[in-house]
Structure formats: C-alpha cells, structure tokens
C-alpha cells in the first residue's frame, strides 16, 4: 500500500506491507477488465488498519521515489 506519510508534505508517500489477514483489511469484488485475465484486479479496503514499524518498506518519505524508479521510460 502507498499512503501519505506526512500530511504537511504531499510528496512524502510511504510504502507499507499490509497482509490479507490483518484486521481492517478487506478484499472486495473482482473487477472486470480487458486483457491480462490471469491477473486478478479487485477492490481493496483499509479500515483502521494498525501497522507496526516492521510494515514500513524503506524510508517512509521516499515511497514515490521507489515507485518511480520502476516506471518504464521511453528511450
């Protein structure tokens, strides 16, 4: 999950590991889509999920940097 880590700075986005068995996490309906039918796409809901420091991936202010490093770039 990606979420704002600092409300004062919208660019501070953190990455967090949320496991399906955690309280407050709920998976919704599967969404119909075009192509890649073997990859499911579903709604997910987070309601008062409590995370521990172990659930933070890397620096909580650099999640956007981590995600953008994996974006495809045209040559």
N, C-alpha and C. Protein backbone atom coordinates (compact mmCIF):
# COMPACT_ATOMS: atom_id res chain seq x y z
N UNK A 1 0.85 -1.15 0.00
CA UNK A 1 0.00 0.00 0.00
C UNK A 1 0.90 1.23 0.00
N UNK A 2 0.49 2.24 -0.71
CA UNK A 2 1.16 3.53 -0.68
C UNK A 2 0.21 4.52 0.00
N UNK A 3 0.76 5.34 0.89
CA UNK A 3 -0.08 6.30 1.61
C UNK A 3 0.75 7.51 2.01
N UNK A 4 0.07 8.63 2.24
CA UNK A 4 0.75 9.82 2.72
C UNK A 4 1.38 9.53 4.07
N UNK A 5 2.64 9.84 4.19
CA UNK A 5 3.35 9.62 5.45
C UNK A 5 3.43 10.90 6.27
N UNK A 6 3.25 12.05 5.60
CA UNK A 6 3.35 13.34 6.27
C UNK A 6 2.31 14.27 5.66
N UNK A 7 1.21 14.55 6.38
CA UNK A 7 0.16 15.41 5.81
C UNK A 7 0.65 16.79 5.41
N UNK A 8 1.72 17.30 6.02
CA UNK A 8 2.24 18.62 5.69
C UNK A 8 2.96 18.65 4.35
N UNK A 9 3.43 17.50 3.88
CA UNK A 9 4.13 17.42 2.59
C UNK A 9 3.53 16.30 1.76
N UNK A 10 2.69 16.63 0.78
CA UNK A 10 2.02 15.60 -0.01
C UNK A 10 2.96 14.70 -0.80
N UNK A 11 4.21 15.11 -0.98
CA UNK A 11 5.17 14.27 -1.71
C UNK A 11 5.76 13.18 -0.81
N UNK A 12 5.58 13.28 0.49
CA UNK A 12 6.06 12.24 1.41
C UNK A 12 5.08 11.08 1.40
N UNK A 13 5.32 10.15 0.50
CA UNK A 13 4.46 8.97 0.37
C UNK A 13 5.28 7.77 0.82
N UNK A 14 4.70 7.00 1.71
CA UNK A 14 5.38 5.81 2.21
C UNK A 14 4.81 4.55 1.59
N UNK A 15 5.60 3.49 1.59
CA UNK A 15 5.14 2.18 1.15
C UNK A 15 5.04 1.28 2.38
N UNK A 16 3.94 0.55 2.47
CA UNK A 16 3.67 -0.26 3.64
C UNK A 16 3.19 -1.63 3.21
N UNK A 17 3.61 -2.64 3.95
CA UNK A 17 3.17 -4.01 3.70
C UNK A 17 1.92 -4.27 4.52
N UNK A 18 0.81 -4.55 3.85
CA UNK A 18 -0.44 -4.89 4.52
C UNK A 18 -0.80 -6.31 4.10
N UNK A 19 -0.92 -7.17 5.09
CA UNK A 19 -1.23 -8.57 4.82
C UNK A 19 -2.73 -8.81 4.88
N UNK A 20 -3.18 -9.75 4.06
CA UNK A 20 -4.60 -10.03 3.95
C UNK A 20 -5.24 -10.43 5.28
N UNK A 21 -4.50 -11.02 6.16
CA UNK A 21 -5.06 -11.50 7.43
C UNK A 21 -5.16 -10.40 8.50
N UNK A 22 -4.68 -9.19 8.19
CA UNK A 22 -4.67 -8.12 9.18
C UNK A 22 -6.07 -7.56 9.40
N UNK A 23 -6.36 -7.23 10.66
CA UNK A 23 -7.65 -6.60 10.99
C UNK A 23 -7.77 -5.28 10.24
N UNK A 24 -8.93 -5.05 9.66
CA UNK A 24 -9.19 -3.82 8.95
C UNK A 24 -8.96 -3.89 7.46
N UNK A 25 -8.32 -4.96 6.99
CA UNK A 25 -8.11 -5.14 5.55
C UNK A 25 -9.23 -6.02 5.01
N UNK A 26 -9.83 -5.58 3.91
CA UNK A 26 -10.90 -6.37 3.31
C UNK A 26 -10.76 -6.28 1.79
N UNK A 27 -10.90 -7.44 1.18
CA UNK A 27 -10.87 -7.50 -0.28
C UNK A 27 -12.30 -7.47 -0.79
N UNK A 28 -12.56 -6.64 -1.79
CA UNK A 28 -13.89 -6.50 -2.37
C UNK A 28 -14.06 -7.38 -3.59
N UNK A 29 -14.92 -6.94 -4.45
CA UNK A 29 -15.26 -7.73 -5.64
C UNK A 29 -14.15 -7.68 -6.68
N UNK A 30 -14.08 -8.74 -7.47
CA UNK A 30 -13.17 -8.75 -8.62
C UNK A 30 -13.71 -7.81 -9.67
N UNK A 31 -12.84 -7.09 -10.33
CA UNK A 31 -13.24 -6.13 -11.36
C UNK A 31 -13.04 -6.74 -12.74
N UNK A 32 -14.00 -6.52 -13.61
CA UNK A 32 -13.88 -6.98 -14.99
C UNK A 32 -12.96 -6.01 -15.73
N UNK A 33 -12.11 -6.55 -16.59
CA UNK A 33 -11.18 -5.71 -17.32
C UNK A 33 -10.86 -6.31 -18.67
N UNK A 34 -10.20 -5.55 -19.50
CA UNK A 34 -9.76 -6.03 -20.80
C UNK A 34 -8.34 -6.56 -20.68
N UNK A 35 -8.06 -7.70 -21.25
CA UNK A 35 -6.71 -8.25 -21.27
C UNK A 35 -6.21 -8.72 -19.92
N UNK A 36 -5.13 -9.47 -19.92
CA UNK A 36 -4.47 -9.99 -18.72
C UNK A 36 -5.47 -10.61 -17.74
N UNK A 37 -6.31 -11.50 -18.23
CA UNK A 37 -7.35 -12.11 -17.39
C UNK A 37 -6.78 -13.02 -16.31
N UNK A 38 -5.55 -13.46 -16.46
CA UNK A 38 -4.96 -14.32 -15.42
C UNK A 38 -4.51 -13.52 -14.20
N UNK A 39 -4.41 -12.20 -14.34
CA UNK A 39 -4.05 -11.34 -13.21
C UNK A 39 -5.34 -10.74 -12.66
N UNK A 40 -5.67 -11.10 -11.42
CA UNK A 40 -6.91 -10.56 -10.86
C UNK A 40 -6.73 -9.10 -10.44
N UNK A 41 -7.78 -8.35 -10.57
CA UNK A 41 -7.82 -6.97 -10.13
C UNK A 41 -9.08 -6.83 -9.29
N UNK A 42 -8.91 -6.40 -8.05
CA UNK A 42 -10.04 -6.33 -7.14
C UNK A 42 -10.02 -5.05 -6.34
N UNK A 43 -11.17 -4.70 -5.79
CA UNK A 43 -11.24 -3.60 -4.85
C UNK A 43 -10.57 -4.04 -3.55
N UNK A 44 -9.91 -3.11 -2.89
CA UNK A 44 -9.38 -3.40 -1.56
C UNK A 44 -9.75 -2.24 -0.64
N UNK A 45 -10.03 -2.58 0.61
CA UNK A 45 -10.47 -1.59 1.58
C UNK A 45 -9.60 -1.66 2.83
N UNK A 46 -9.24 -0.50 3.36
CA UNK A 46 -8.45 -0.39 4.57
C UNK A 46 -9.26 0.42 5.57
N UNK A 47 -9.65 -0.20 6.67
CA UNK A 47 -10.44 0.49 7.68
C UNK A 47 -9.75 0.33 9.03
N UNK A 48 -9.07 1.38 9.47
CA UNK A 48 -8.38 1.38 10.76
C UNK A 48 -7.35 0.26 10.88
N UNK A 49 -6.61 0.04 9.81
CA UNK A 49 -5.54 -0.97 9.84
C UNK A 49 -4.40 -0.42 10.70
N UNK A 50 -3.96 -1.19 11.67
CA UNK A 50 -2.85 -0.79 12.54
C UNK A 50 -1.56 -1.41 12.02
N UNK A 51 -0.60 -0.56 11.72
CA UNK A 51 0.68 -1.02 11.20
C UNK A 51 1.76 -0.83 12.25
N UNK A 52 2.70 -1.73 12.25
CA UNK A 52 3.86 -1.67 13.14
C UNK A 52 5.06 -1.19 12.30
N UNK A 53 6.13 -0.74 12.95
CA UNK A 53 7.31 -0.30 12.18
C UNK A 53 7.83 -1.35 11.20
N UNK A 54 7.63 -2.61 11.50
CA UNK A 54 8.11 -3.68 10.60
C UNK A 54 7.36 -3.67 9.26
N UNK A 55 6.22 -3.02 9.19
CA UNK A 55 5.42 -2.97 7.96
C UNK A 55 5.85 -1.83 7.03
N UNK A 56 6.76 -0.97 7.48
CA UNK A 56 7.23 0.15 6.65
C UNK A 56 8.32 -0.38 5.71
N UNK A 57 8.18 -0.07 4.42
CA UNK A 57 9.16 -0.51 3.42
C UNK A 57 10.07 0.68 3.11
N UNK A 58 11.33 0.56 3.51
CA UNK A 58 12.30 1.62 3.25
C UNK A 58 12.01 2.88 4.04
N UNK A 59 12.42 4.01 3.49
CA UNK A 59 12.21 5.32 4.10
C UNK A 59 10.76 5.74 3.87
N UNK A 60 9.99 6.04 4.92
CA UNK A 60 8.57 6.35 4.73
C UNK A 60 8.32 7.64 3.95
N UNK A 61 9.33 8.43 3.70
CA UNK A 61 9.16 9.66 2.92
C UNK A 61 9.60 9.49 1.47
N UNK A 62 10.06 8.29 1.09
CA UNK A 62 10.61 8.10 -0.26
C UNK A 62 9.86 7.06 -1.09
N UNK A 63 8.65 6.74 -0.71
CA UNK A 63 7.88 5.75 -1.46
C UNK A 63 7.66 6.13 -2.91
N UNK A 64 7.41 7.42 -3.17
CA UNK A 64 7.22 7.88 -4.55
C UNK A 64 8.50 7.67 -5.36
N UNK A 65 9.65 7.91 -4.75
CA UNK A 65 10.93 7.68 -5.43
C UNK A 65 11.09 6.20 -5.77
N UNK A 66 10.75 5.32 -4.81
CA UNK A 66 10.88 3.88 -5.04
C UNK A 66 9.98 3.43 -6.19
N UNK A 67 8.73 3.94 -6.19
CA UNK A 67 7.80 3.55 -7.26
C UNK A 67 8.23 4.10 -8.61
N UNK A 68 8.65 5.35 -8.65
CA UNK A 68 9.01 5.96 -9.94
C UNK A 68 10.26 5.32 -10.54
N UNK A 69 11.12 4.75 -9.71
CA UNK A 69 12.32 4.08 -10.23
C UNK A 69 11.95 2.86 -11.06
N UNK A 70 10.77 2.29 -10.84
CA UNK A 70 10.33 1.10 -11.56
C UNK A 70 9.44 1.43 -12.76
N UNK A 71 9.10 2.70 -12.96
CA UNK A 71 8.25 3.07 -14.08
C UNK A 71 9.02 2.92 -15.39
N UNK A 72 8.34 2.45 -16.43
CA UNK A 72 9.02 2.34 -17.73
C UNK A 72 9.36 3.73 -18.29
N UNK A 73 10.48 3.81 -18.95
CA UNK A 73 10.90 5.08 -19.55
C UNK A 73 11.09 4.87 -21.04
N UNK A 74 10.67 5.87 -21.80
CA UNK A 74 10.89 5.77 -23.25
C UNK A 74 12.28 6.31 -23.56
N UNK A 75 12.91 5.70 -24.52
CA UNK A 75 14.29 5.93 -24.79
C UNK A 75 14.66 7.10 -25.55
